[in-house]
């Protein structure tokens, strides 16, 4: 495969095949998780039932049994955590994650995401996220009683750079029936035909334009 790509690149007068196509099967996958952030200094959720229950469930993991109704969540917020995991990435690698408030928290400024498993579409855990969040917005001012409040961007959305640790590699198959399928980033019958012709000048009858999107090699 490396030889094929190198030779085709040499024939393409400066246009790299990797810029024109992607390999079928070698794509990113989406991950999502439900978790808690702590340390909000009064800006957390206003005691909704699901937040209290989530905190109670977390405490129970550590052997602390507290009725959910007795808890306060003003320094805690429930969040949804999302990430994209590339193909072929190995366990131990790091991913960037996005964190978004699910309840009525005012801001995620200063929050720390507690350990959150991230699930794929098959409901299996592929990564675990944790760490301090970085917020790209803010809310300033007291508000109420004639006070003014200023909000810039979205203080309830944040990210953690390299905040998730990959626990499991997503199975990926790129060779099917002893062939690869190249998918054009910008589909077109002319582009597909020219790509196949360029490959065939180096390897006779090695490539076939299947349609406007794909070339089989």
Protein backbone atom coordinates (compact mmCIF):
# COMPACT_ATOMS: atom_id res chain seq x y z
CA UNK A 1 0.00 0.00 0.00
CA UNK A 2 2.84 2.40 0.86
CA UNK A 3 4.51 1.72 -2.50
CA UNK A 4 1.25 2.29 -4.35
CA UNK A 5 0.58 5.60 -2.64
CA UNK A 6 4.17 6.78 -3.14
CA UNK A 7 4.15 6.00 -6.84
CA UNK A 8 0.77 7.57 -7.46
CA UNK A 9 1.85 10.70 -5.60
CA UNK A 10 4.89 10.96 -7.83
CA UNK A 11 2.63 10.80 -10.91
CA UNK A 12 0.12 13.33 -9.60
CA UNK A 13 2.35 16.43 -10.12
CA UNK A 14 2.22 17.54 -6.52
CA UNK A 15 -1.31 16.35 -5.61
CA UNK A 16 -1.16 13.72 -2.91
CA UNK A 17 -3.62 10.83 -3.00
CA UNK A 18 -4.21 11.24 0.75
CA UNK A 19 -5.59 14.72 0.01
CA UNK A 20 -8.04 13.35 -2.56
CA UNK A 21 -9.36 10.18 -0.93
CA UNK A 22 -9.82 8.29 2.28
CA UNK A 23 -9.76 4.51 2.68
CA UNK A 24 -13.09 2.82 3.24
CA UNK A 25 -13.27 1.51 6.80
CA UNK A 26 -10.55 3.82 8.13
CA UNK A 27 -12.78 6.47 9.66
CA UNK A 28 -13.37 8.18 12.97
CA UNK A 29 -16.03 6.98 15.37
CA UNK A 30 -18.04 8.99 17.87
CA UNK A 31 -18.01 8.40 21.62
CA UNK A 32 -20.37 9.77 24.27
CA UNK A 33 -20.65 9.56 28.04
CA UNK A 34 -22.72 10.86 30.95
CA UNK A 35 -20.81 12.24 33.91
CA UNK A 36 -20.40 14.77 36.70
CA UNK A 37 -18.28 17.86 37.12
CA UNK A 38 -17.46 19.19 40.58
CA UNK A 39 -16.07 22.43 42.04
CA UNK A 40 -18.55 24.93 40.60
CA UNK A 41 -18.72 27.23 43.66
CA UNK A 42 -22.48 27.63 43.65
CA UNK A 43 -22.94 27.70 39.87
CA UNK A 44 -23.99 24.06 39.58
CA UNK A 45 -27.36 22.44 38.96
CA UNK A 46 -30.24 23.67 41.10
CA UNK A 47 -30.96 20.32 42.73
CA UNK A 48 -32.77 18.52 39.89
CA UNK A 49 -33.73 14.94 40.72
CA UNK A 50 -31.41 13.34 38.15
CA UNK A 51 -28.37 15.28 39.44
CA UNK A 52 -29.02 14.27 43.03
CA UNK A 53 -29.52 10.65 42.01
CA UNK A 54 -26.29 10.68 39.99
CA UNK A 55 -24.35 12.03 42.98
CA UNK A 56 -25.94 9.40 45.24
CA UNK A 57 -24.98 6.65 42.79
CA UNK A 58 -21.40 7.93 42.67
CA UNK A 59 -21.11 8.03 46.47
CA UNK A 60 -22.48 4.51 46.67
CA UNK A 61 -19.52 3.30 44.61
CA UNK A 62 -17.31 4.40 47.50
CA UNK A 63 -19.42 2.74 50.16
CA UNK A 64 -21.33 5.89 51.19
CA UNK A 65 -25.08 5.35 51.22
CA UNK A 66 -26.91 8.66 51.33
CA UNK A 67 -30.54 9.21 50.26
CA UNK A 68 -30.62 11.26 47.07
CA UNK A 69 -33.28 13.59 48.49
CA UNK A 70 -30.91 14.80 51.23
CA UNK A 71 -28.17 15.93 48.82
CA UNK A 72 -27.46 19.36 47.37
CA UNK A 73 -25.94 19.78 43.92
CA UNK A 74 -25.06 23.48 43.86
CA UNK A 75 -21.36 22.76 43.35
CA UNK A 76 -21.96 19.87 40.95
CA UNK A 77 -23.48 19.55 37.47
CA UNK A 78 -24.35 16.64 35.23
CA UNK A 79 -22.73 16.83 31.79
CA UNK A 80 -22.57 15.01 28.50
CA UNK A 81 -19.05 14.21 27.31
CA UNK A 82 -18.27 13.61 23.63
CA UNK A 83 -15.17 12.71 21.64
CA UNK A 84 -14.08 11.39 18.25
CA UNK A 85 -11.79 8.35 18.22
CA UNK A 86 -9.68 7.84 15.06
CA UNK A 87 -9.20 4.49 13.37
CA UNK A 88 -6.18 2.41 14.45
CA UNK A 89 -5.62 4.40 17.65
CA UNK A 90 -4.15 2.17 20.38
CA UNK A 91 -4.92 1.83 24.09
CA UNK A 92 -3.05 4.43 26.12
CA UNK A 93 -3.41 7.20 23.53
CA UNK A 94 -5.12 10.46 24.46
CA UNK A 95 -8.21 12.13 22.97
CA UNK A 96 -9.64 15.64 23.27
CA UNK A 97 -13.13 15.73 24.76
CA UNK A 98 -16.00 18.23 24.79
CA UNK A 99 -18.09 18.74 27.92
CA UNK A 100 -21.58 20.27 27.88
CA UNK A 101 -23.93 20.96 30.78
CA UNK A 102 -27.08 18.87 30.71
CA UNK A 103 -28.94 20.63 33.53
CA UNK A 104 -29.35 24.26 34.58
CA UNK A 105 -25.83 25.03 35.78
CA UNK A 106 -24.80 28.68 35.21
CA UNK A 107 -21.22 27.95 34.26
CA UNK A 108 -18.61 25.17 34.13
CA UNK A 109 -15.78 27.56 35.00
CA UNK A 110 -13.34 25.94 37.42
CA UNK A 111 -14.98 22.52 37.21
CA UNK A 112 -13.25 19.15 37.26
CA UNK A 113 -14.76 16.27 35.30
CA UNK A 114 -14.96 13.10 37.35
CA UNK A 115 -14.03 9.79 35.74
CA UNK A 116 -16.50 9.23 32.89
CA UNK A 117 -16.60 6.15 30.62
CA UNK A 118 -17.15 6.96 26.93
CA UNK A 119 -19.28 4.56 24.91
CA UNK A 120 -19.37 3.78 21.20
CA UNK A 121 -22.48 3.07 19.14
CA UNK A 122 -22.21 -0.60 20.18
CA UNK A 123 -22.57 0.42 23.85
CA UNK A 124 -19.01 -0.65 24.69
CA UNK A 125 -16.49 1.51 26.58
CA UNK A 126 -13.58 2.64 24.40
CA UNK A 127 -12.17 5.51 26.47
CA UNK A 128 -12.37 7.12 29.91
CA UNK A 129 -12.35 10.90 30.44
CA UNK A 130 -11.32 12.93 33.49
CA UNK A 131 -9.70 16.23 34.39
CA UNK A 132 -10.12 20.01 34.74
CA UNK A 133 -12.24 21.63 32.05
CA UNK A 134 -11.36 24.69 29.99
CA UNK A 135 -14.27 27.07 29.32
CA UNK A 136 -14.31 29.39 26.29
CA UNK A 137 -16.89 31.82 27.70
CA UNK A 138 -17.83 33.64 30.89
CA UNK A 139 -20.67 35.31 32.77
CA UNK A 140 -19.96 38.49 34.72
CA UNK A 141 -22.16 40.70 36.91
CA UNK A 142 -24.60 40.15 39.73
CA UNK A 143 -27.89 40.34 37.85
CA UNK A 144 -31.24 40.89 39.55
CA UNK A 145 -32.18 43.93 41.59
CA UNK A 146 -31.08 46.33 38.87
CA UNK A 147 -27.68 44.68 38.42
CA UNK A 148 -26.32 43.99 34.96
CA UNK A 149 -25.07 40.62 33.71
CA UNK A 150 -22.79 40.09 30.72
CA UNK A 151 -22.32 36.70 29.07
CA UNK A 152 -19.75 35.97 26.35
CA UNK A 153 -19.84 32.76 24.32
CA UNK A 154 -21.13 29.69 26.15
CA UNK A 155 -19.86 29.18 29.73
CA UNK A 156 -21.75 25.89 29.98
CA UNK A 157 -19.67 24.26 27.23
CA UNK A 158 -16.03 23.32 27.79
CA UNK A 159 -13.27 21.03 26.61
CA UNK A 160 -10.43 18.99 28.03
CA UNK A 161 -7.38 18.74 25.78
CA UNK A 162 -6.06 15.16 25.90
CA UNK A 163 -8.67 14.54 28.58
CA UNK A 164 -9.63 10.97 27.61
CA UNK A 165 -7.50 7.86 27.80
CA UNK A 166 -8.19 5.20 25.16
CA UNK A 167 -8.91 1.85 26.79
CA UNK A 168 -9.80 -0.22 23.74
CA UNK A 169 -9.07 -0.07 20.03
CA UNK A 170 -12.09 -0.02 17.71
CA UNK A 171 -11.87 -2.98 15.28
CA UNK A 172 -11.18 -1.72 11.75
CA UNK A 173 -11.16 -3.65 8.47
CA UNK A 174 -9.85 -1.91 5.35
CA UNK A 175 -8.99 -4.93 3.13
CA UNK A 176 -12.01 -6.80 1.82
CA UNK A 177 -11.79 -9.55 -0.83
CA UNK A 178 -8.11 -8.73 -1.27
CA UNK A 179 -8.84 -5.14 -2.32
CA UNK A 180 -9.00 -1.59 -0.97
CA UNK A 181 -11.73 0.91 -1.69
CA UNK A 182 -10.64 4.54 -2.03
CA UNK A 183 -13.40 7.07 -1.33
CA UNK A 184 -13.09 10.50 -2.96
CA UNK A 185 -13.46 13.43 -0.58
CA UNK A 186 -15.12 15.38 -3.42
CA UNK A 187 -17.08 12.87 -5.52
CA UNK A 188 -17.04 13.14 -9.31
CA UNK A 189 -17.06 10.67 -12.19
CA UNK A 190 -14.15 12.45 -13.89
CA UNK A 191 -12.01 12.48 -10.74
CA UNK A 192 -12.71 8.78 -10.07
CA UNK A 193 -11.84 7.82 -13.66
CA UNK A 194 -8.63 9.86 -13.64
CA UNK A 195 -7.51 8.40 -10.32
CA UNK A 196 -8.10 4.86 -11.57
CA UNK A 197 -6.26 5.63 -14.83
CA UNK A 198 -3.28 7.07 -12.95
CA UNK A 199 -3.01 3.96 -10.78
CA UNK A 200 -3.31 1.71 -13.85
CA UNK A 201 -0.37 3.44 -15.56
CA UNK A 202 1.75 2.04 -12.74
CA UNK A 203 -0.06 -1.24 -12.05
CA UNK A 204 -1.90 -2.66 -15.04
CA UNK A 205 -5.59 -3.24 -14.37
CA UNK A 206 -5.07 -2.69 -10.64
CA UNK A 207 -7.79 -0.04 -10.19
CA UNK A 208 -11.39 0.32 -11.24
CA UNK A 209 -13.68 3.32 -10.82
CA UNK A 210 -16.81 1.86 -9.23
CA UNK A 211 -18.86 5.05 -9.21
CA UNK A 212 -18.42 8.80 -8.68
CA UNK A 213 -17.28 8.25 -5.11
CA UNK A 214 -15.13 5.12 -5.01
CA UNK A 215 -12.20 3.48 -6.74
CA UNK A 216 -11.42 -0.17 -5.99
CA UNK A 217 -7.73 -1.18 -5.96
